[in-house]
N, C-alpha and C. Protein backbone atom coordinates (compact mmCIF):
# COMPACT_ATOMS: atom_id res chain seq x y z
N MET A 1 14.33 -12.08 15.52
CA MET A 1 13.22 -11.15 15.36
C MET A 1 13.57 -10.11 14.30
N LEU A 2 12.66 -9.92 13.36
CA LEU A 2 12.86 -8.94 12.30
C LEU A 2 12.45 -7.55 12.76
N ILE A 3 12.95 -6.57 12.05
CA ILE A 3 12.55 -5.17 12.26
C ILE A 3 12.00 -4.68 10.92
N ALA A 4 10.86 -4.02 10.96
CA ALA A 4 10.26 -3.46 9.75
C ALA A 4 10.10 -1.95 9.94
N LYS A 5 10.73 -1.20 9.06
CA LYS A 5 10.58 0.26 9.07
C LYS A 5 9.80 0.66 7.83
N CYS A 6 8.79 1.48 8.02
CA CYS A 6 7.86 1.82 6.94
C CYS A 6 7.72 3.32 6.78
N HIS A 7 7.39 3.72 5.56
CA HIS A 7 7.10 5.13 5.29
C HIS A 7 6.22 5.23 4.05
N CYS A 8 5.32 6.21 4.07
CA CYS A 8 4.43 6.45 2.93
C CYS A 8 4.58 7.90 2.48
N VAL A 9 4.70 8.08 1.18
CA VAL A 9 4.76 9.41 0.59
C VAL A 9 3.61 9.52 -0.41
N LYS A 10 2.94 10.66 -0.42
CA LYS A 10 1.83 10.84 -1.36
C LYS A 10 1.86 12.24 -1.94
N SER A 11 1.22 12.38 -3.10
CA SER A 11 1.18 13.66 -3.78
C SER A 11 -0.17 13.82 -4.46
N ALA A 12 -0.83 14.94 -4.22
CA ALA A 12 -2.13 15.20 -4.85
C ALA A 12 -1.94 15.77 -6.25
N LEU A 13 -2.77 15.36 -7.18
CA LEU A 13 -2.72 15.88 -8.54
C LEU A 13 -2.85 17.40 -8.54
N THR A 14 -3.72 17.93 -7.68
CA THR A 14 -3.95 19.37 -7.63
C THR A 14 -2.83 20.12 -6.93
N GLY A 15 -1.97 19.39 -6.22
CA GLY A 15 -0.90 20.04 -5.47
C GLY A 15 -1.29 20.40 -4.05
N ALA A 16 -2.60 20.36 -3.74
CA ALA A 16 -3.06 20.68 -2.38
C ALA A 16 -3.03 19.42 -1.52
N PRO A 17 -2.27 19.41 -0.42
CA PRO A 17 -2.12 18.20 0.39
C PRO A 17 -3.44 17.62 0.89
N ASP A 18 -4.43 18.47 1.13
CA ASP A 18 -5.71 17.99 1.66
C ASP A 18 -6.66 17.53 0.55
N GLU A 19 -6.17 17.45 -0.69
CA GLU A 19 -6.99 16.99 -1.82
C GLU A 19 -6.46 15.70 -2.43
N CYS A 20 -5.72 14.92 -1.63
CA CYS A 20 -5.18 13.66 -2.12
C CYS A 20 -6.10 12.51 -1.75
N GLY A 21 -6.50 11.72 -2.75
CA GLY A 21 -7.37 10.57 -2.52
C GLY A 21 -6.62 9.31 -2.18
N ASP A 22 -5.29 9.38 -2.05
CA ASP A 22 -4.48 8.24 -1.64
C ASP A 22 -4.15 8.39 -0.16
N ILE A 23 -4.12 7.26 0.55
CA ILE A 23 -3.78 7.30 1.97
C ILE A 23 -3.02 6.05 2.37
N GLY A 24 -2.00 6.21 3.17
CA GLY A 24 -1.26 5.08 3.71
C GLY A 24 -1.51 4.96 5.20
N VAL A 25 -1.63 3.73 5.68
CA VAL A 25 -1.80 3.47 7.10
C VAL A 25 -0.66 2.55 7.53
N ILE A 26 0.04 2.92 8.59
CA ILE A 26 1.16 2.14 9.11
C ILE A 26 0.99 1.97 10.61
N ARG A 27 1.04 0.73 11.08
CA ARG A 27 0.99 0.43 12.51
C ARG A 27 2.13 -0.54 12.83
N GLU A 28 3.19 -0.02 13.43
CA GLU A 28 4.35 -0.84 13.77
C GLU A 28 4.23 -1.25 15.24
N GLY A 29 4.13 -2.56 15.49
CA GLY A 29 4.03 -3.08 16.84
C GLY A 29 5.22 -3.95 17.18
N PRO A 30 5.27 -4.47 18.42
CA PRO A 30 6.41 -5.30 18.83
C PRO A 30 6.44 -6.67 18.14
N ASP A 31 5.28 -7.18 17.73
CA ASP A 31 5.19 -8.52 17.15
C ASP A 31 4.86 -8.52 15.66
N ALA A 32 4.24 -7.44 15.19
CA ALA A 32 3.79 -7.40 13.80
C ALA A 32 3.79 -5.96 13.30
N CYS A 33 3.85 -5.84 11.98
CA CYS A 33 3.76 -4.53 11.34
C CYS A 33 2.64 -4.60 10.31
N PHE A 34 1.65 -3.71 10.46
CA PHE A 34 0.50 -3.65 9.55
C PHE A 34 0.66 -2.42 8.66
N VAL A 35 0.44 -2.62 7.35
CA VAL A 35 0.45 -1.50 6.42
C VAL A 35 -0.74 -1.63 5.46
N ALA A 36 -1.22 -0.50 5.00
CA ALA A 36 -2.30 -0.48 4.01
C ALA A 36 -2.12 0.74 3.12
N LEU A 37 -2.42 0.57 1.84
CA LEU A 37 -2.46 1.69 0.92
C LEU A 37 -3.83 1.68 0.25
N VAL A 38 -4.50 2.84 0.29
CA VAL A 38 -5.84 2.98 -0.27
C VAL A 38 -5.82 4.12 -1.28
N ASP A 39 -6.46 3.90 -2.42
CA ASP A 39 -6.59 4.91 -3.46
C ASP A 39 -8.07 5.06 -3.78
N ALA A 40 -8.66 6.16 -3.29
CA ALA A 40 -10.06 6.44 -3.60
C ALA A 40 -10.19 6.79 -5.07
N LEU A 41 -11.30 6.40 -5.68
CA LEU A 41 -11.50 6.69 -7.10
C LEU A 41 -11.54 8.20 -7.34
N GLY A 42 -10.89 8.60 -8.42
CA GLY A 42 -10.84 10.02 -8.75
C GLY A 42 -9.77 10.75 -7.95
N HIS A 43 -9.95 12.06 -7.83
CA HIS A 43 -9.01 12.87 -7.06
C HIS A 43 -9.74 14.10 -6.57
N GLY A 44 -9.05 14.95 -5.84
CA GLY A 44 -9.67 16.15 -5.31
C GLY A 44 -10.31 15.92 -3.95
N VAL A 45 -11.11 16.88 -3.52
CA VAL A 45 -11.70 16.87 -2.18
C VAL A 45 -12.58 15.66 -1.95
N ALA A 46 -13.40 15.28 -2.92
CA ALA A 46 -14.31 14.14 -2.75
C ALA A 46 -13.53 12.85 -2.54
N ALA A 47 -12.45 12.66 -3.29
CA ALA A 47 -11.62 11.47 -3.12
C ALA A 47 -10.91 11.49 -1.77
N ALA A 48 -10.46 12.67 -1.36
CA ALA A 48 -9.77 12.79 -0.06
C ALA A 48 -10.71 12.44 1.09
N GLU A 49 -11.99 12.76 0.95
CA GLU A 49 -12.96 12.42 2.00
C GLU A 49 -13.12 10.91 2.12
N VAL A 50 -13.16 10.19 0.99
CA VAL A 50 -13.26 8.74 1.01
C VAL A 50 -11.99 8.13 1.62
N ALA A 51 -10.83 8.68 1.25
CA ALA A 51 -9.56 8.19 1.79
C ALA A 51 -9.52 8.37 3.31
N ALA A 52 -10.05 9.48 3.80
CA ALA A 52 -10.07 9.72 5.24
C ALA A 52 -10.99 8.72 5.96
N LEU A 53 -12.12 8.39 5.34
CA LEU A 53 -13.02 7.37 5.90
C LEU A 53 -12.29 6.02 6.00
N ALA A 54 -11.58 5.66 4.93
CA ALA A 54 -10.85 4.39 4.92
C ALA A 54 -9.75 4.39 5.96
N GLU A 55 -9.03 5.50 6.07
CA GLU A 55 -7.93 5.58 7.04
C GLU A 55 -8.44 5.40 8.46
N ALA A 56 -9.54 6.06 8.79
CA ALA A 56 -10.09 5.95 10.15
C ALA A 56 -10.51 4.52 10.47
N PHE A 57 -11.12 3.85 9.50
CA PHE A 57 -11.57 2.47 9.73
C PHE A 57 -10.37 1.54 9.90
N LEU A 58 -9.39 1.64 9.03
CA LEU A 58 -8.23 0.74 9.09
C LEU A 58 -7.40 1.00 10.34
N ALA A 59 -7.23 2.27 10.71
CA ALA A 59 -6.44 2.60 11.89
C ALA A 59 -7.08 2.07 13.17
N ALA A 60 -8.40 1.93 13.16
CA ALA A 60 -9.11 1.44 14.34
C ALA A 60 -9.16 -0.08 14.40
N ASN A 61 -8.80 -0.76 13.31
CA ASN A 61 -8.96 -2.23 13.25
C ASN A 61 -7.74 -2.96 12.68
N PRO A 62 -6.52 -2.58 13.02
CA PRO A 62 -5.36 -3.17 12.34
C PRO A 62 -5.08 -4.63 12.70
N ALA A 63 -5.68 -5.14 13.77
CA ALA A 63 -5.38 -6.51 14.20
C ALA A 63 -6.33 -7.55 13.61
N ARG A 64 -7.39 -7.12 12.92
CA ARG A 64 -8.35 -8.07 12.35
C ARG A 64 -7.71 -8.89 11.23
N GLU A 65 -8.25 -10.09 11.01
CA GLU A 65 -7.79 -10.89 9.86
C GLU A 65 -8.00 -10.06 8.60
N LEU A 66 -7.06 -10.16 7.67
CA LEU A 66 -7.06 -9.23 6.54
C LEU A 66 -8.27 -9.37 5.63
N ASP A 67 -8.74 -10.61 5.39
CA ASP A 67 -9.92 -10.75 4.53
C ASP A 67 -11.15 -10.17 5.21
N ALA A 68 -11.26 -10.35 6.54
CA ALA A 68 -12.38 -9.76 7.28
C ALA A 68 -12.25 -8.24 7.31
N LEU A 69 -11.03 -7.75 7.41
CA LEU A 69 -10.80 -6.30 7.42
C LEU A 69 -11.20 -5.69 6.08
N MET A 70 -10.85 -6.37 4.99
CA MET A 70 -11.23 -5.86 3.67
C MET A 70 -12.75 -5.86 3.51
N ASN A 71 -13.41 -6.91 3.97
CA ASN A 71 -14.87 -6.93 3.93
C ASN A 71 -15.47 -5.81 4.77
N GLY A 72 -14.88 -5.56 5.94
CA GLY A 72 -15.34 -4.47 6.79
C GLY A 72 -15.15 -3.12 6.13
N LEU A 73 -14.02 -2.94 5.45
CA LEU A 73 -13.77 -1.69 4.73
C LEU A 73 -14.77 -1.52 3.60
N HIS A 74 -15.08 -2.61 2.92
CA HIS A 74 -16.07 -2.59 1.86
C HIS A 74 -17.41 -2.09 2.39
N ASP A 75 -17.85 -2.63 3.52
CA ASP A 75 -19.11 -2.19 4.13
C ASP A 75 -19.02 -0.73 4.56
N HIS A 76 -17.87 -0.34 5.11
CA HIS A 76 -17.68 1.02 5.62
C HIS A 76 -17.74 2.07 4.50
N LEU A 77 -17.30 1.68 3.30
CA LEU A 77 -17.25 2.64 2.19
C LEU A 77 -18.46 2.58 1.26
N LYS A 78 -19.43 1.71 1.57
CA LYS A 78 -20.63 1.65 0.73
C LYS A 78 -21.33 3.00 0.70
N GLY A 79 -21.78 3.36 -0.49
CA GLY A 79 -22.42 4.66 -0.67
C GLY A 79 -21.45 5.76 -1.06
N SER A 80 -20.15 5.46 -0.99
CA SER A 80 -19.14 6.44 -1.42
C SER A 80 -18.74 6.14 -2.86
N ARG A 81 -17.79 6.89 -3.40
CA ARG A 81 -17.30 6.63 -4.76
C ARG A 81 -16.44 5.37 -4.82
N GLY A 82 -16.03 4.84 -3.65
CA GLY A 82 -15.27 3.60 -3.60
C GLY A 82 -13.77 3.83 -3.70
N ALA A 83 -13.03 2.73 -3.60
CA ALA A 83 -11.57 2.80 -3.57
C ALA A 83 -10.99 1.45 -3.96
N VAL A 84 -9.70 1.44 -4.17
CA VAL A 84 -8.94 0.19 -4.26
C VAL A 84 -8.01 0.17 -3.05
N ALA A 85 -7.63 -1.03 -2.61
CA ALA A 85 -6.86 -1.11 -1.37
C ALA A 85 -5.98 -2.35 -1.34
N PHE A 86 -4.87 -2.23 -0.65
CA PHE A 86 -3.98 -3.37 -0.41
C PHE A 86 -3.60 -3.34 1.06
N LEU A 87 -3.81 -4.46 1.74
CA LEU A 87 -3.53 -4.59 3.17
C LEU A 87 -2.46 -5.66 3.36
N ALA A 88 -1.55 -5.45 4.30
CA ALA A 88 -0.50 -6.44 4.55
C ALA A 88 -0.08 -6.40 6.02
N ARG A 89 0.28 -7.57 6.54
CA ARG A 89 0.78 -7.66 7.91
C ARG A 89 1.98 -8.60 7.95
N LEU A 90 3.09 -8.11 8.49
CA LEU A 90 4.31 -8.91 8.62
C LEU A 90 4.44 -9.39 10.05
N ASP A 91 4.56 -10.72 10.23
CA ASP A 91 4.85 -11.31 11.53
C ASP A 91 6.36 -11.18 11.73
N LEU A 92 6.76 -10.41 12.72
CA LEU A 92 8.18 -10.10 12.89
C LEU A 92 8.97 -11.27 13.45
N SER A 93 8.30 -12.26 14.02
CA SER A 93 9.03 -13.42 14.55
C SER A 93 9.25 -14.49 13.48
N THR A 94 8.33 -14.62 12.54
CA THR A 94 8.44 -15.68 11.52
C THR A 94 8.83 -15.16 10.15
N GLY A 95 8.63 -13.87 9.87
CA GLY A 95 8.90 -13.32 8.56
C GLY A 95 7.77 -13.57 7.57
N GLU A 96 6.63 -14.10 8.05
CA GLU A 96 5.51 -14.34 7.14
C GLU A 96 4.75 -13.05 6.89
N LEU A 97 4.63 -12.69 5.61
CA LEU A 97 3.82 -11.55 5.21
C LEU A 97 2.48 -12.08 4.72
N ARG A 98 1.41 -11.68 5.37
CA ARG A 98 0.05 -11.99 4.91
C ARG A 98 -0.46 -10.74 4.20
N TYR A 99 -1.18 -10.93 3.10
CA TYR A 99 -1.64 -9.77 2.34
C TYR A 99 -3.00 -10.05 1.70
N CYS A 100 -3.70 -8.96 1.37
CA CYS A 100 -5.01 -9.04 0.75
C CYS A 100 -5.22 -7.74 -0.03
N GLY A 101 -5.50 -7.87 -1.33
CA GLY A 101 -5.66 -6.68 -2.14
C GLY A 101 -6.91 -6.75 -3.01
N VAL A 102 -7.50 -5.60 -3.25
CA VAL A 102 -8.63 -5.46 -4.18
C VAL A 102 -8.36 -4.25 -5.06
N GLY A 103 -8.31 -4.48 -6.36
CA GLY A 103 -8.09 -3.38 -7.30
C GLY A 103 -6.64 -3.23 -7.69
N ASN A 104 -6.33 -2.08 -8.28
CA ASN A 104 -5.05 -1.92 -8.98
C ASN A 104 -3.96 -1.22 -8.17
N ILE A 105 -3.86 -1.50 -6.89
CA ILE A 105 -2.66 -1.11 -6.15
C ILE A 105 -1.55 -2.09 -6.56
N THR A 106 -0.41 -1.58 -6.96
CA THR A 106 0.73 -2.43 -7.32
C THR A 106 1.49 -2.79 -6.05
N ALA A 107 1.71 -4.08 -5.85
CA ALA A 107 2.44 -4.57 -4.67
C ALA A 107 3.58 -5.46 -5.15
N LYS A 108 4.81 -5.08 -4.82
CA LYS A 108 5.98 -5.85 -5.25
C LYS A 108 6.92 -6.05 -4.07
N ILE A 109 7.61 -7.20 -4.10
CA ILE A 109 8.66 -7.49 -3.14
C ILE A 109 9.98 -7.51 -3.89
N PHE A 110 10.93 -6.72 -3.40
CA PHE A 110 12.27 -6.68 -3.95
C PHE A 110 13.21 -7.32 -2.94
N GLY A 111 13.98 -8.31 -3.41
CA GLY A 111 14.92 -9.00 -2.54
C GLY A 111 16.12 -9.45 -3.33
N ALA A 112 16.70 -10.56 -2.92
CA ALA A 112 17.90 -11.09 -3.59
C ALA A 112 17.58 -11.61 -4.99
N ASP A 113 16.36 -12.13 -5.17
CA ASP A 113 15.97 -12.68 -6.47
C ASP A 113 15.20 -11.64 -7.28
N ASP A 114 14.60 -12.07 -8.39
CA ASP A 114 13.79 -11.16 -9.20
C ASP A 114 12.61 -10.64 -8.38
N PRO A 115 12.13 -9.42 -8.69
CA PRO A 115 10.97 -8.89 -7.97
C PRO A 115 9.77 -9.83 -8.07
N VAL A 116 8.99 -9.88 -7.00
CA VAL A 116 7.78 -10.70 -6.95
C VAL A 116 6.59 -9.77 -6.88
N ARG A 117 5.62 -9.98 -7.77
CA ARG A 117 4.40 -9.17 -7.75
C ARG A 117 3.32 -9.92 -6.98
N LEU A 118 2.70 -9.25 -6.01
CA LEU A 118 1.63 -9.84 -5.21
C LEU A 118 0.30 -9.50 -5.89
N ILE A 119 -0.53 -10.50 -6.05
CA ILE A 119 -1.75 -10.37 -6.86
C ILE A 119 -2.94 -9.93 -6.01
N SER A 120 -3.68 -8.97 -6.54
CA SER A 120 -4.93 -8.50 -5.94
C SER A 120 -6.12 -9.11 -6.66
N ARG A 121 -7.27 -9.06 -6.03
CA ARG A 121 -8.52 -9.49 -6.64
C ARG A 121 -9.13 -8.29 -7.37
N ASP A 122 -10.05 -8.58 -8.30
CA ASP A 122 -10.73 -7.51 -9.03
C ASP A 122 -11.77 -6.84 -8.14
N GLY A 123 -12.07 -5.59 -8.48
CA GLY A 123 -13.18 -4.93 -7.83
C GLY A 123 -12.89 -3.53 -7.33
N ILE A 124 -13.92 -2.94 -6.75
CA ILE A 124 -13.85 -1.62 -6.13
C ILE A 124 -14.42 -1.76 -4.72
N VAL A 125 -13.60 -1.44 -3.73
CA VAL A 125 -14.02 -1.53 -2.34
C VAL A 125 -15.10 -0.48 -2.08
N GLY A 126 -16.22 -0.92 -1.55
CA GLY A 126 -17.35 -0.02 -1.30
C GLY A 126 -18.39 -0.05 -2.40
N TYR A 127 -18.06 -0.71 -3.53
CA TYR A 127 -19.03 -0.79 -4.62
C TYR A 127 -19.28 -2.25 -5.00
N MET A 128 -18.34 -2.88 -5.68
CA MET A 128 -18.49 -4.29 -6.05
C MET A 128 -17.09 -4.89 -6.12
N MET A 129 -16.90 -5.99 -5.39
CA MET A 129 -15.58 -6.60 -5.40
C MET A 129 -15.67 -8.11 -5.29
N SER A 130 -14.63 -8.78 -5.75
CA SER A 130 -14.52 -10.22 -5.58
C SER A 130 -14.31 -10.54 -4.10
N THR A 131 -14.59 -11.77 -3.72
CA THR A 131 -14.37 -12.18 -2.34
C THR A 131 -12.90 -12.03 -2.01
N PRO A 132 -12.57 -11.25 -0.95
CA PRO A 132 -11.16 -11.07 -0.60
C PRO A 132 -10.51 -12.40 -0.23
N ARG A 133 -9.26 -12.55 -0.61
CA ARG A 133 -8.53 -13.78 -0.30
C ARG A 133 -7.12 -13.42 0.15
N GLU A 134 -6.73 -13.96 1.28
CA GLU A 134 -5.38 -13.71 1.79
C GLU A 134 -4.35 -14.56 1.05
N GLY A 135 -3.19 -13.97 0.85
CA GLY A 135 -2.04 -14.70 0.35
C GLY A 135 -0.91 -14.54 1.35
N SER A 136 0.19 -15.24 1.12
CA SER A 136 1.33 -15.11 2.03
C SER A 136 2.64 -15.21 1.24
N HIS A 137 3.66 -14.62 1.80
CA HIS A 137 4.99 -14.65 1.21
C HIS A 137 6.00 -14.47 2.34
N ALA A 138 7.12 -15.15 2.26
CA ALA A 138 8.15 -15.02 3.29
C ALA A 138 9.06 -13.83 3.00
N LEU A 139 9.31 -13.03 4.03
CA LEU A 139 10.24 -11.91 3.93
C LEU A 139 11.41 -12.13 4.87
N GLY A 140 12.57 -11.61 4.50
CA GLY A 140 13.75 -11.72 5.34
C GLY A 140 14.52 -10.42 5.34
N PRO A 141 15.61 -10.37 6.10
CA PRO A 141 16.42 -9.15 6.16
C PRO A 141 16.86 -8.70 4.77
N GLY A 142 16.70 -7.42 4.51
CA GLY A 142 17.06 -6.84 3.22
C GLY A 142 15.92 -6.75 2.23
N ASP A 143 14.82 -7.45 2.50
CA ASP A 143 13.68 -7.41 1.58
C ASP A 143 12.92 -6.10 1.71
N ILE A 144 12.32 -5.71 0.60
CA ILE A 144 11.54 -4.46 0.54
C ILE A 144 10.16 -4.77 -0.04
N LEU A 145 9.12 -4.38 0.68
CA LEU A 145 7.75 -4.42 0.16
C LEU A 145 7.41 -3.01 -0.30
N MET A 146 6.95 -2.90 -1.55
CA MET A 146 6.58 -1.60 -2.10
C MET A 146 5.14 -1.64 -2.59
N LEU A 147 4.33 -0.72 -2.11
CA LEU A 147 2.94 -0.56 -2.55
C LEU A 147 2.83 0.78 -3.25
N CYS A 148 2.22 0.79 -4.45
CA CYS A 148 2.06 2.04 -5.21
C CYS A 148 0.65 2.15 -5.77
N SER A 149 0.11 3.35 -5.74
CA SER A 149 -1.18 3.60 -6.39
C SER A 149 -0.96 3.69 -7.89
N ASP A 150 -2.08 3.79 -8.64
CA ASP A 150 -1.95 3.81 -10.10
C ASP A 150 -1.48 5.15 -10.64
N GLY A 151 -1.17 6.09 -9.76
CA GLY A 151 -0.53 7.32 -10.20
C GLY A 151 0.98 7.17 -10.36
N VAL A 152 1.47 5.94 -10.08
CA VAL A 152 2.90 5.63 -10.20
C VAL A 152 3.06 4.55 -11.28
N ARG A 153 4.02 4.74 -12.18
CA ARG A 153 4.30 3.72 -13.20
C ARG A 153 4.66 2.41 -12.53
N ASP A 154 4.01 1.32 -12.92
CA ASP A 154 4.30 0.03 -12.28
C ASP A 154 5.26 -0.82 -13.10
N HIS A 155 5.48 -0.49 -14.35
CA HIS A 155 6.43 -1.24 -15.18
C HIS A 155 7.71 -0.42 -15.30
N PHE A 156 8.75 -0.90 -14.64
CA PHE A 156 10.04 -0.23 -14.72
C PHE A 156 11.13 -1.26 -14.43
N GLU A 157 12.31 -0.97 -14.92
CA GLU A 157 13.47 -1.83 -14.67
C GLU A 157 14.40 -1.11 -13.72
N LEU A 158 14.88 -1.84 -12.72
CA LEU A 158 15.75 -1.21 -11.72
C LEU A 158 17.03 -0.67 -12.34
N PHE A 159 17.53 -1.32 -13.41
CA PHE A 159 18.77 -0.81 -14.01
C PHE A 159 18.57 0.53 -14.69
N ASP A 160 17.31 0.89 -14.98
CA ASP A 160 17.02 2.21 -15.54
C ASP A 160 16.99 3.29 -14.45
N HIS A 161 16.92 2.86 -13.20
CA HIS A 161 16.81 3.80 -12.07
C HIS A 161 17.80 3.41 -10.97
N PRO A 162 19.10 3.58 -11.25
CA PRO A 162 20.09 3.20 -10.25
C PRO A 162 19.90 3.98 -8.95
N GLY A 163 19.99 3.27 -7.83
CA GLY A 163 19.84 3.92 -6.53
C GLY A 163 18.41 4.02 -6.04
N LEU A 164 17.46 3.56 -6.85
CA LEU A 164 16.05 3.70 -6.48
C LEU A 164 15.73 3.03 -5.15
N LEU A 165 16.33 1.88 -4.87
CA LEU A 165 16.02 1.12 -3.67
C LEU A 165 17.07 1.30 -2.56
N ARG A 166 17.90 2.31 -2.66
CA ARG A 166 18.90 2.57 -1.63
C ARG A 166 18.34 3.45 -0.53
N GLY A 167 18.89 3.26 0.67
CA GLY A 167 18.51 4.11 1.79
C GLY A 167 17.40 3.51 2.62
N GLN A 168 16.84 4.34 3.46
CA GLN A 168 15.77 3.92 4.35
C GLN A 168 14.43 3.93 3.60
N ALA A 169 13.38 3.44 4.28
CA ALA A 169 12.05 3.37 3.66
C ALA A 169 11.61 4.74 3.14
N ARG A 170 11.88 5.79 3.91
CA ARG A 170 11.50 7.16 3.49
C ARG A 170 12.20 7.54 2.19
N ASP A 171 13.52 7.24 2.12
CA ASP A 171 14.29 7.58 0.91
C ASP A 171 13.73 6.87 -0.31
N ILE A 172 13.44 5.58 -0.16
CA ILE A 172 12.95 4.79 -1.29
C ILE A 172 11.60 5.31 -1.77
N ALA A 173 10.67 5.55 -0.83
CA ALA A 173 9.34 6.04 -1.20
C ALA A 173 9.44 7.39 -1.93
N GLU A 174 10.29 8.27 -1.43
CA GLU A 174 10.46 9.58 -2.07
C GLU A 174 11.09 9.43 -3.45
N ASN A 175 12.09 8.54 -3.57
CA ASN A 175 12.73 8.31 -4.87
C ASN A 175 11.73 7.80 -5.90
N VAL A 176 10.89 6.84 -5.48
CA VAL A 176 9.90 6.26 -6.38
C VAL A 176 8.93 7.33 -6.87
N LEU A 177 8.42 8.15 -5.95
CA LEU A 177 7.45 9.17 -6.36
C LEU A 177 8.10 10.18 -7.30
N GLN A 178 9.34 10.54 -7.03
CA GLN A 178 10.02 11.51 -7.88
C GLN A 178 10.31 10.95 -9.27
N ALA A 179 10.72 9.68 -9.32
CA ALA A 179 11.14 9.09 -10.60
C ALA A 179 10.00 8.52 -11.42
N LEU A 180 8.93 8.04 -10.76
CA LEU A 180 7.94 7.22 -11.47
C LEU A 180 6.51 7.77 -11.45
N SER A 181 6.27 8.93 -10.86
CA SER A 181 4.91 9.50 -10.89
C SER A 181 4.50 9.78 -12.32
N LYS A 182 3.25 9.46 -12.64
CA LYS A 182 2.75 9.69 -14.00
C LYS A 182 2.39 11.16 -14.23
N GLY A 183 1.98 11.86 -13.17
CA GLY A 183 1.63 13.27 -13.30
C GLY A 183 0.21 13.53 -13.74
N ASP A 184 -0.62 12.45 -13.84
CA ASP A 184 -2.01 12.66 -14.27
C ASP A 184 -3.02 12.17 -13.23
N ASP A 185 -2.57 11.91 -12.01
CA ASP A 185 -3.44 11.41 -10.95
C ASP A 185 -2.74 11.62 -9.62
N ASP A 186 -3.49 11.46 -8.52
CA ASP A 186 -2.84 11.39 -7.22
C ASP A 186 -1.85 10.23 -7.27
N ALA A 187 -0.78 10.34 -6.51
CA ALA A 187 0.24 9.29 -6.52
C ALA A 187 0.70 9.02 -5.09
N SER A 188 0.99 7.75 -4.81
CA SER A 188 1.47 7.40 -3.48
C SER A 188 2.35 6.16 -3.55
N CYS A 189 3.28 6.07 -2.60
CA CYS A 189 4.16 4.91 -2.49
C CYS A 189 4.39 4.64 -1.01
N LEU A 190 4.11 3.42 -0.61
CA LEU A 190 4.37 2.98 0.76
C LEU A 190 5.44 1.90 0.71
N VAL A 191 6.48 2.07 1.52
CA VAL A 191 7.60 1.14 1.52
C VAL A 191 7.80 0.56 2.91
N MET A 192 7.98 -0.77 2.96
CA MET A 192 8.39 -1.47 4.18
C MET A 192 9.77 -2.06 3.91
N ARG A 193 10.74 -1.68 4.71
CA ARG A 193 12.09 -2.23 4.58
C ARG A 193 12.37 -3.12 5.79
N VAL A 194 12.75 -4.38 5.52
CA VAL A 194 12.93 -5.36 6.58
C VAL A 194 14.41 -5.53 6.90
N SER A 195 14.72 -5.58 8.19
CA SER A 195 16.10 -5.81 8.62
C SER A 195 16.07 -6.66 9.89
N ARG A 196 17.24 -6.94 10.41
CA ARG A 196 17.31 -7.72 11.64
C ARG A 196 17.75 -6.85 12.79
């Protein structure tokens, strides 16, 4: 049985914690771990309100199939400014990670081999999006799933940032935000670290 420890760190462009349009949702259970990162379009109070709507919906429905959950979130956010989102669930007994993304949330897996980028579909949740499609990837002890909003640089080399992936999920998320935030938008990083 695997163990998944998760943490999300976020920063508002304005500096006010209640004005961040990025939100992370984490639900760690005995059999599975569900995580989601949502980035409402824009920033400030209006974006934070959309992020709060998304958080409430996802927190109330973490066990739904991910493509159905994304469709439900799309319906829930209609009439708002919209968002991009990435949803993932790790089966702790098999190591299978199921995922579903819409928009430009960067999702990468770091392990023994080269980093793997998980692909999202085009669109804006709540406005217009491609049909959500689930993908899967196997995770094992030592693997790290990292989700970042577009306020974080997605092109970087680990050798340029020694120690970036060291420590617990909280340490990694904080390191990423400190080292890779662009400084021109809300920024967030959600990390899942897998162990046995």
